[in-house]
Amino acid sequence: MRPHPHQVAHVHFAPASPDDEARGLLGFVSLQLGSLFVGGVALRRSRQGRLWLSWPAPRGFPLVRPLDERARRSIEAQVFAALGLQEART
């Protein structure tokens, strides 16, 4: 049986500095996504309390990114659960 294409495993978190955290950058996540290792994914919190992942983007073009909204939501939900995070309800 093939694994789910958005299966997230081995999530690790490195916290941001207090100054960065005050501006919404909580830290950086590395994870296994299917058979790929992905590092440098920024974990951010909006002013409204929404958590989101910002994918690595040197020169403005993401190296790795979800293919669509469904994939993005699936990956985010798994990463947040692995880190024991809950979004603020807005």
PDB file of N, CA and C in Angstrom:
ATOM      1  N   MET A   1       0.843  -1.173   0.000  1.00  0.00           N
ATOM      2  CA  MET A   1       0.000   0.000   0.000  1.00  0.00           C
ATOM      3  C   MET A   1       0.897   1.248   0.000  1.00  0.00           C
ATOM      4  N   ARG A   2       0.574   2.215  -0.838  1.00  0.00           N
ATOM      5  CA  ARG A   2       1.345   3.463  -0.917  1.00  0.00           C
ATOM      6  C   ARG A   2       1.025   4.363   0.271  1.00  0.00           C
ATOM      7  N   PRO A   3       2.042   5.042   0.808  1.00  0.00           N
ATOM      8  CA  PRO A   3       1.759   5.987   1.897  1.00  0.00           C
ATOM      9  C   PRO A   3       0.987   7.186   1.374  1.00  0.00           C
ATOM     10  N   HIS A   4       0.277   7.844   2.282  1.00  0.00           N
ATOM     11  CA  HIS A   4      -0.452   9.066   1.930  1.00  0.00           C
ATOM     12  C   HIS A   4       0.552  10.070   1.376  1.00  0.00           C
ATOM     13  N   PRO A   5       0.256  10.759   0.274  1.00  0.00           N
ATOM     14  CA  PRO A   5       1.232  11.670  -0.337  1.00  0.00           C
ATOM     15  C   PRO A   5       1.604  12.858   0.535  1.00  0.00           C
ATOM     16  N   HIS A   6       0.780  13.168   1.527  1.00  0.00           N
ATOM     17  CA  HIS A   6       1.077  14.300   2.403  1.00  0.00           C
ATOM     18  C   HIS A   6       1.480  13.826   3.796  1.00  0.00           C
ATOM     19  N   GLN A   7       1.919  12.589   3.916  1.00  0.00           N
ATOM     20  CA  GLN A   7       2.260  12.036   5.229  1.00  0.00           C
ATOM     21  C   GLN A   7       3.477  12.731   5.813  1.00  0.00           C
ATOM     22  N   VAL A   8       3.303  13.345   6.968  1.00  0.00           N
ATOM     23  CA  VAL A   8       4.372  14.062   7.654  1.00  0.00           C
ATOM     24  C   VAL A   8       4.903  13.195   8.791  1.00  0.00           C
ATOM     25  N   ALA A   9       6.230  13.143   8.931  1.00  0.00           N
ATOM     26  CA  ALA A   9       6.861  12.384  10.010  1.00  0.00           C
ATOM     27  C   ALA A   9       8.111  13.124  10.473  1.00  0.00           C
ATOM     28  N   HIS A  10       8.613  12.721  11.618  1.00  0.00           N
ATOM     29  CA  HIS A  10       9.889  13.225  12.143  1.00  0.00           C
ATOM     30  C   HIS A  10       9.959  14.748  12.135  1.00  0.00           C
ATOM     31  N   VAL A  11       9.002  15.380  12.791  1.00  0.00           N
ATOM     32  CA  VAL A  11       8.946  16.844  12.864  1.00  0.00           C
ATOM     33  C   VAL A  11       9.867  17.333  13.976  1.00  0.00           C
ATOM     34  N   HIS A  12      10.732  18.280  13.647  1.00  0.00           N
ATOM     35  CA  HIS A  12      11.640  18.891  14.616  1.00  0.00           C
ATOM     36  C   HIS A  12      11.471  20.406  14.559  1.00  0.00           C
ATOM     37  N   PHE A  13      11.642  21.050  15.720  1.00  0.00           N
ATOM     38  CA  PHE A  13      11.404  22.479  15.826  1.00  0.00           C
ATOM     39  C   PHE A  13      12.595  23.172  16.472  1.00  0.00           C
ATOM     40  N   ALA A  14      13.014  24.291  15.878  1.00  0.00           N
ATOM     41  CA  ALA A  14      14.055  25.146  16.450  1.00  0.00           C
ATOM     42  C   ALA A  14      13.430  26.518  16.677  1.00  0.00           C
ATOM     43  N   PRO A  15      13.315  26.954  17.935  1.00  0.00           N
ATOM     44  CA  PRO A  15      12.644  28.220  18.221  1.00  0.00           C
ATOM     45  C   PRO A  15      13.407  29.430  17.701  1.00  0.00           C
ATOM     46  N   ALA A  16      12.648  30.467  17.384  1.00  0.00           N
ATOM     47  CA  ALA A  16      13.211  31.751  16.942  1.00  0.00           C
ATOM     48  C   ALA A  16      13.655  32.547  18.169  1.00  0.00           C
ATOM     49  N   SER A  17      14.371  33.612  17.918  1.00  0.00           N
ATOM     50  CA  SER A  17      14.775  34.516  18.996  1.00  0.00           C
ATOM     51  C   SER A  17      13.534  35.248  19.523  1.00  0.00           C
ATOM     52  N   PRO A  18      13.610  35.771  20.735  1.00  0.00           N
ATOM     53  CA  PRO A  18      12.462  36.537  21.261  1.00  0.00           C
ATOM     54  C   PRO A  18      12.074  37.714  20.360  1.00  0.00           C
ATOM     55  N   ASP A  19      13.053  38.386  19.763  1.00  0.00           N
ATOM     56  CA  ASP A  19      12.739  39.510  18.862  1.00  0.00           C
ATOM     57  C   ASP A  19      11.958  39.034  17.643  1.00  0.00           C
ATOM     58  N   ASP A  20      12.399  37.920  17.042  1.00  0.00           N
ATOM     59  CA  ASP A  20      11.678  37.376  15.887  1.00  0.00           C
ATOM     60  C   ASP A  20      10.290  36.895  16.290  1.00  0.00           C
ATOM     61  N   GLU A  21      10.200  36.261  17.467  1.00  0.00           N
ATOM     62  CA  GLU A  21       8.906  35.762  17.929  1.00  0.00           C
ATOM     63  C   GLU A  21       7.914  36.910  18.118  1.00  0.00           C
ATOM     64  N   ALA A  22       8.387  38.051  18.595  1.00  0.00           N
ATOM     65  CA  ALA A  22       7.519  39.217  18.766  1.00  0.00           C
ATOM     66  C   ALA A  22       6.958  39.708  17.433  1.00  0.00           C
ATOM     67  N   ARG A  23       7.652  39.382  16.341  1.00  0.00           N
ATOM     68  CA  ARG A  23       7.183  39.771  15.000  1.00  0.00           C
ATOM     69  C   ARG A  23       6.436  38.641  14.284  1.00  0.00           C
ATOM     70  N   GLY A  24       6.156  37.549  15.008  1.00  0.00           N
ATOM     71  CA  GLY A  24       5.337  36.487  14.440  1.00  0.00           C
ATOM     72  C   GLY A  24       6.085  35.257  13.973  1.00  0.00           C
ATOM     73  N   LEU A  25       7.424  35.286  13.970  1.00  0.00           N
ATOM     74  CA  LEU A  25       8.196  34.103  13.580  1.00  0.00           C
ATOM     75  C   LEU A  25       8.439  33.274  14.825  1.00  0.00           C
ATOM     76  N   LEU A  26       7.794  32.104  14.913  1.00  0.00           N
ATOM     77  CA  LEU A  26       7.938  31.257  16.095  1.00  0.00           C
ATOM     78  C   LEU A  26       9.196  30.416  16.047  1.00  0.00           C
ATOM     79  N   GLY A  27       9.630  30.039  14.842  1.00  0.00           N
ATOM     80  CA  GLY A  27      10.826  29.221  14.697  1.00  0.00           C
ATOM     81  C   GLY A  27      10.833  28.509  13.362  1.00  0.00           C
ATOM     82  N   PHE A  28      11.701  27.494  13.273  1.00  0.00           N
ATOM     83  CA  PHE A  28      11.856  26.751  12.025  1.00  0.00           C
ATOM     84  C   PHE A  28      11.607  25.274  12.253  1.00  0.00           C
ATOM     85  N   VAL A  29      10.963  24.664  11.273  1.00  0.00           N
ATOM     86  CA  VAL A  29      10.580  23.267  11.332  1.00  0.00           C
ATOM     87  C   VAL A  29      11.334  22.497  10.249  1.00  0.00           C
ATOM     88  N   SER A  30      11.768  21.285  10.596  1.00  0.00           N
ATOM     89  CA  SER A  30      12.231  20.342   9.585  1.00  0.00           C
ATOM     90  C   SER A  30      11.335  19.117   9.708  1.00  0.00           C
ATOM     91  N   LEU A  31      11.127  18.432   8.611  1.00  0.00           N
ATOM     92  CA  LEU A  31      10.207  17.300   8.617  1.00  0.00           C
ATOM     93  C   LEU A  31      10.484  16.367   7.450  1.00  0.00           C
ATOM     94  N   GLN A  32       9.969  15.173   7.598  1.00  0.00           N
ATOM     95  CA  GLN A  32       9.968  14.219   6.494  1.00  0.00           C
ATOM     96  C   GLN A  32       8.586  14.278   5.877  1.00  0.00           C
ATOM     97  N   LEU A  33       8.519  14.445   4.575  1.00  0.00           N
ATOM     98  CA  LEU A  33       7.263  14.522   3.841  1.00  0.00           C
ATOM     99  C   LEU A  33       7.307  13.431   2.786  1.00  0.00           C
ATOM    100  N   GLY A  34       6.609  12.326   3.068  1.00  0.00           N
ATOM    101  CA  GLY A  34       6.736  11.170   2.186  1.00  0.00           C
ATOM    102  C   GLY A  34       8.178  10.696   2.209  1.00  0.00           C
ATOM    103  N   SER A  35       8.818  10.643   1.061  1.00  0.00           N
ATOM    104  CA  SER A  35      10.209  10.209   0.993  1.00  0.00           C
ATOM    105  C   SER A  35      11.181  11.390   0.900  1.00  0.00           C
ATOM    106  N   LEU A  36      10.708  12.608   1.187  1.00  0.00           N
ATOM    107  CA  LEU A  36      11.545  13.798   1.116  1.00  0.00           C
ATOM    108  C   LEU A  36      11.829  14.352   2.505  1.00  0.00           C
ATOM    109  N   PHE A  37      13.037  14.893   2.700  1.00  0.00           N
ATOM    110  CA  PHE A  37      13.355  15.671   3.893  1.00  0.00           C
ATOM    111  C   PHE A  37      13.198  17.129   3.516  1.00  0.00           C
ATOM    112  N   VAL A  38      12.505  17.887   4.342  1.00  0.00           N
ATOM    113  CA  VAL A  38      12.297  19.311   4.088  1.00  0.00           C
ATOM    114  C   VAL A  38      12.751  20.079   5.325  1.00  0.00           C
ATOM    115  N   GLY A  39      13.650  21.025   5.131  1.00  0.00           N
ATOM    116  CA  GLY A  39      14.136  21.848   6.236  1.00  0.00           C
ATOM    117  C   GLY A  39      13.898  23.314   5.946  1.00  0.00           C
ATOM    118  N   GLY A  40      14.044  24.133   6.965  1.00  0.00           N
ATOM    119  CA  GLY A  40      13.934  25.576   6.790  1.00  0.00           C
ATOM    120  C   GLY A  40      12.523  26.086   6.604  1.00  0.00           C
ATOM    121  N   VAL A  41      11.527  25.333   7.048  1.00  0.00           N
ATOM    122  CA  VAL A  41      10.136  25.768   6.950  1.00  0.00           C
ATOM    123  C   VAL A  41       9.852  26.651   8.169  1.00  0.00           C
ATOM    124  N   ALA A  42       9.453  27.893   7.931  1.00  0.00           N
ATOM    125  CA  ALA A  42       9.195  28.818   9.032  1.00  0.00           C
ATOM    126  C   ALA A  42       7.796  28.595   9.594  1.00  0.00           C
ATOM    127  N   LEU A  43       7.710  28.535  10.920  1.00  0.00           N
ATOM    128  CA  LEU A  43       6.425  28.469  11.602  1.00  0.00           C
ATOM    129  C   LEU A  43       6.114  29.880  12.079  1.00  0.00           C
ATOM    130  N   ARG A  44       4.961  30.403  11.639  1.00  0.00           N
ATOM    131  CA  ARG A  44       4.587  31.784  11.946  1.00  0.00           C
ATOM    132  C   ARG A  44       3.204  31.833  12.584  1.00  0.00           C
ATOM    133  N   ARG A  45       2.964  32.928  13.314  1.00  0.00           N
ATOM    134  CA  ARG A  45       1.632  33.178  13.879  1.00  0.00           C
ATOM    135  C   ARG A  45       1.220  34.578  13.444  1.00  0.00           C
ATOM    136  N   SER A  46       0.016  34.680  12.862  1.00  0.00           N
ATOM    137  CA  SER A  46      -0.495  35.976  12.427  1.00  0.00           C
ATOM    138  C   SER A  46      -0.954  36.786  13.632  1.00  0.00           C
ATOM    139  N   ARG A  47      -1.229  38.053  13.429  1.00  0.00           N
ATOM    140  CA  ARG A  47      -1.746  38.907  14.505  1.00  0.00           C
ATOM    141  C   ARG A  47      -3.070  38.390  15.051  1.00  0.00           C
ATOM    142  N   GLN A  48      -3.820  37.677  14.218  1.00  0.00           N
ATOM    143  CA  GLN A  48      -5.109  37.120  14.636  1.00  0.00           C
ATOM    144  C   GLN A  48      -4.949  35.769  15.328  1.00  0.00           C
ATOM    145  N   GLY A  49      -3.719  35.265  15.433  1.00  0.00           N
ATOM    146  CA  GLY A  49      -3.470  33.995  16.109  1.00  0.00           C
ATOM    147  C   GLY A  49      -3.412  32.795  15.203  1.00  0.00           C
ATOM    148  N   ARG A  50      -3.566  32.984  13.903  1.00  0.00           N
ATOM    149  CA  ARG A  50      -3.534  31.870  12.946  1.00  0.00           C
ATOM    150  C   ARG A  50      -2.107  31.385  12.766  1.00  0.00           C
ATOM    151  N   LEU A  51      -1.904  30.075  12.902  1.00  0.00           N
ATOM    152  CA  LEU A  51      -0.608  29.464  12.624  1.00  0.00           C
ATOM    153  C   LEU A  51      -0.499  29.159  11.138  1.00  0.00           C
ATOM    154  N   TRP A  52       0.697  29.301  10.584  1.00  0.00           N
ATOM    155  CA  TRP A  52       0.906  28.935   9.187  1.00  0.00           C
ATOM    156  C   TRP A  52       2.371  28.612   8.956  1.00  0.00           C
ATOM    157  N   LEU A  53       2.602  27.819   7.925  1.00  0.00           N
ATOM    158  CA  LEU A  53       3.951  27.448   7.532  1.00  0.00           C
ATOM    159  C   LEU A  53       4.352  28.249   6.315  1.00  0.00           C
ATOM    160  N   SER A  54       5.561  28.766   6.343  1.00  0.00           N
ATOM    161  CA  SER A  54       6.119  29.524   5.228  1.00  0.00           C
ATOM    162  C   SER A  54       7.268  28.693   4.662  1.00  0.00           C
ATOM    163  N   TRP A  55       7.130  28.288   3.425  1.00  0.00           N
ATOM    164  CA  TRP A  55       8.076  27.354   2.805  1.00  0.00           C
ATOM    165  C   TRP A  55       9.336  28.081   2.336  1.00  0.00           C
ATOM    166  N   PRO A  56      10.496  27.400   2.376  1.00  0.00           N
ATOM    167  CA  PRO A  56      11.758  28.041   1.976  1.00  0.00           C
ATOM    168  C   PRO A  56      11.659  28.651   0.581  1.00  0.00           C
ATOM    169  N   ALA A  57      12.140  29.891   0.450  1.00  0.00           N
ATOM    170  CA  ALA A  57      11.991  30.598  -0.819  1.00  0.00           C
ATOM    171  C   ALA A  57      13.184  31.502  -1.123  1.00  0.00           C
ATOM    172  N   PRO A  58      14.354  30.931  -1.376  1.00  0.00           N
ATOM    173  CA  PRO A  58      15.453  31.807  -1.781  1.00  0.00           C
ATOM    174  C   PRO A  58      15.132  32.468  -3.113  1.00  0.00           C
ATOM    175  N   ARG A  59      15.454  33.730  -3.216  1.00  0.00           N
ATOM    176  CA  ARG A  59      15.188  34.506  -4.432  1.00  0.00           C
ATOM    177  C   ARG A  59      13.707  34.550  -4.793  1.00  0.00           C
ATOM    178  N   GLY A  60      12.840  34.377  -3.784  1.00  0.00           N
ATOM    179  CA  GLY A  60      11.416  34.579  -3.997  1.00  0.00           C
ATOM    180  C   GLY A  60      10.638  33.433  -4.605  1.00  0.00           C
ATOM    181  N   PHE A  61      11.290  32.309  -4.933  1.00  0.00           N
ATOM    182  CA  PHE A  61      10.566  31.177  -5.515  1.00  0.00           C
ATOM    183  C   PHE A  61      10.730  29.969  -4.606  1.00  0.00           C
ATOM    184  N   PRO A  62       9.628  29.411  -4.094  1.00  0.00           N
ATOM    185  CA  PRO A  62       9.736  28.297  -3.151  1.00  0.00           C
ATOM    186  C   PRO A  62      10.483  27.091  -3.727  1.00  0.00           C
ATOM    187  N   LEU A  63      11.406  26.550  -2.935  1.00  0.00           N
ATOM    188  CA  LEU A  63      12.065  25.303  -3.313  1.00  0.00           C
ATOM    189  C   LEU A  63      11.125  24.128  -3.159  1.00  0.00           C
ATOM    190  N   VAL A  64      10.340  24.182  -2.096  1.00  0.00           N
ATOM    191  CA  VAL A  64       9.373  23.138  -1.785  1.00  0.00           C
ATOM    192  C   VAL A  64       8.101  23.839  -1.376  1.00  0.00           C
ATOM    193  N   ARG A  65       6.973  23.367  -1.859  1.00  0.00           N
ATOM    194  CA  ARG A  65       5.701  23.949  -1.464  1.00  0.00           C
ATOM    195  C   ARG A  65       4.601  22.934  -1.709  1.00  0.00           C
ATOM    196  N   PRO A  66       3.498  23.046  -0.966  1.00  0.00           N
ATOM    197  CA  PRO A  66       2.355  22.167  -1.227  1.00  0.00           C
ATOM    198  C   PRO A  66       1.796  22.441  -2.622  1.00  0.00           C
ATOM    199  N   LEU A  67       1.269  21.408  -3.238  1.00  0.00           N
ATOM    200  CA  LEU A  67       0.734  21.554  -4.590  1.00  0.00           C
ATOM    201  C   LEU A  67      -0.580  22.312  -4.639  1.00  0.00           C
ATOM    202  N   ASP A  68      -1.359  22.230  -3.558  1.00  0.00           N
ATOM    203  CA  ASP A  68      -2.657  22.901  -3.556  1.00  0.00           C
ATOM    204  C   ASP A  68      -3.088  23.180  -2.115  1.00  0.00           C
ATOM    205  N   GLU A  69      -4.229  23.807  -1.963  1.00  0.00           N
ATOM    206  CA  GLU A  69      -4.746  24.187  -0.644  1.00  0.00           C
ATOM    207  C   GLU A  69      -5.008  22.965   0.228  1.00  0.00           C
ATOM    208  N   ARG A  70      -5.527  21.910  -0.353  1.00  0.00           N
ATOM    209  CA  ARG A  70      -5.807  20.682   0.409  1.00  0.00           C
ATOM    210  C   ARG A  70      -4.518  20.110   0.987  1.00  0.00           C
ATOM    211  N   ALA A  71      -3.477  20.051   0.175  1.00  0.00           N
ATOM    212  CA  ALA A  71      -2.191  19.544   0.642  1.00  0.00           C
ATOM    213  C   ALA A  71      -1.627  20.455   1.732  1.00  0.00           C
ATOM    214  N   ARG A  72      -1.721  21.780   1.538  1.00  0.00           N
ATOM    215  CA  ARG A  72      -1.209  22.720   2.523  1.00  0.00           C
ATOM    216  C   ARG A  72      -1.882  22.514   3.872  1.00  0.00           C
ATOM    217  N   ARG A  73      -3.205  22.413   3.866  1.00  0.00           N
ATOM    218  CA  ARG A  73      -3.950  22.235   5.123  1.00  0.00           C
ATOM    219  C   ARG A  73      -3.604  20.907   5.787  1.00  0.00           C
ATOM    220  N   SER A  74      -3.467  19.856   5.011  1.00  0.00           N
ATOM    221  CA  SER A  74      -3.121  18.545   5.550  1.00  0.00           C
ATOM    222  C   SER A  74      -1.746  18.574   6.211  1.00  0.00           C
ATOM    223  N   ILE A  75      -0.775  19.145   5.537  1.00  0.00           N
ATOM    224  CA  ILE A  75       0.588  19.209   6.068  1.00  0.00           C
ATOM    225  C   ILE A  75       0.621  20.081   7.319  1.00  0.00           C
ATOM    226  N   GLU A  76       0.002  21.255   7.256  1.00  0.00           N
ATOM    227  CA  GLU A  76      -0.013  22.147   8.418  1.00  0.00           C
ATOM    228  C   GLU A  76      -0.657  21.468   9.627  1.00  0.00           C
ATOM    229  N   ALA A  77      -1.782  20.815   9.433  1.00  0.00           N
ATOM    230  CA  ALA A  77      -2.474  20.164  10.550  1.00  0.00           C
ATOM    231  C   ALA A  77      -1.587  19.102  11.201  1.00  0.00           C
ATOM    232  N   GLN A  78      -0.872  18.323  10.396  1.00  0.00           N
ATOM    233  CA  GLN A  78      -0.004  17.287  10.941  1.00  0.00           C
ATOM    234  C   GLN A  78       1.197  17.876  11.686  1.00  0.00           C
ATOM    235  N   VAL A  79       1.784  18.936  11.136  1.00  0.00           N
ATOM    236  CA  VAL A  79       2.931  19.576  11.790  1.00  0.00           C
ATOM    237  C   VAL A  79       2.483  20.205  13.109  1.00  0.00           C
ATOM    238  N   PHE A  80       1.376  20.945  13.110  1.00  0.00           N
ATOM    239  CA  PHE A  80       0.897  21.581  14.332  1.00  0.00           C
ATOM    240  C   PHE A  80       0.596  20.523  15.398  1.00  0.00           C
ATOM    241  N   ALA A  81      -0.021  19.405  14.998  1.00  0.00           N
ATOM    242  CA  ALA A  81      -0.323  18.336  15.947  1.00  0.00           C
ATOM    243  C   ALA A  81       0.966  17.726  16.505  1.00  0.00           C
ATOM    244  N   ALA A  82       1.961  17.511  15.653  1.00  0.00           N
ATOM    245  CA  ALA A  82       3.232  16.949  16.090  1.00  0.00           C
ATOM    246  C   ALA A  82       3.941  17.859  17.087  1.00  0.00           C
ATOM    247  N   LEU A  83       3.757  19.163  16.939  1.00  0.00           N
ATOM    248  CA  LEU A  83       4.377  20.136  17.834  1.00  0.00           C
ATOM    249  C   LEU A  83       3.488  20.482  19.035  1.00  0.00           C
ATOM    250  N   GLY A  84       2.292  19.900  19.079  1.00  0.00           N
ATOM    251  CA  GLY A  84       1.372  20.153  20.195  1.00  0.00           C
ATOM    252  C   GLY A  84       0.805  21.560  20.200  1.00  0.00           C
ATOM    253  N   LEU A  85       0.612  22.130  19.001  1.00  0.00           N
ATOM    254  CA  LEU A  85       0.105  23.501  18.881  1.00  0.00           C
ATOM    255  C   LEU A  85      -1.366  23.508  18.490  1.00  0.00           C
ATOM    256  N   GLN A  86      -2.073  24.492  19.015  1.00  0.00           N
ATOM    257  CA  GLN A  86      -3.459  24.724  18.618  1.00  0.00           C
ATOM    258  C   GLN A  86      -3.572  26.153  18.138  1.00  0.00           C
ATOM    259  N   GLU A  87      -4.343  26.342  17.087  1.00  0.00           N
ATOM    260  CA  GLU A  87      -4.590  27.700  16.581  1.00  0.00           C
ATOM    261  C   GLU A  87      -5.579  28.414  17.457  1.00  0.00           C
ATOM    262  N   ALA A  88      -5.406  29.730  17.546  1.00  0.00           N
ATOM    263  CA  ALA A  88      -6.396  30.563  18.213  1.00  0.00           C
ATOM    264  C   ALA A  88      -7.629  30.620  17.329  1.00  0.00           C
ATOM    265  N   ARG A  89      -8.779  30.549  17.926  1.00  0.00           N
ATOM    266  CA  ARG A  89     -10.034  30.648  17.166  1.00  0.00           C
ATOM    267  C   ARG A  89     -10.332  32.119  16.916  1.00  0.00           C
ATOM    268  N   THR A  90     -10.569  32.476  15.629  1.00  0.00           N
ATOM    269  CA  THR A  90     -10.889  33.864  15.304  1.00  0.00           C
ATOM    270  C   THR A  90     -12.307  33.984  14.840  1.00  0.00           C
TER     271      THR A  90
END
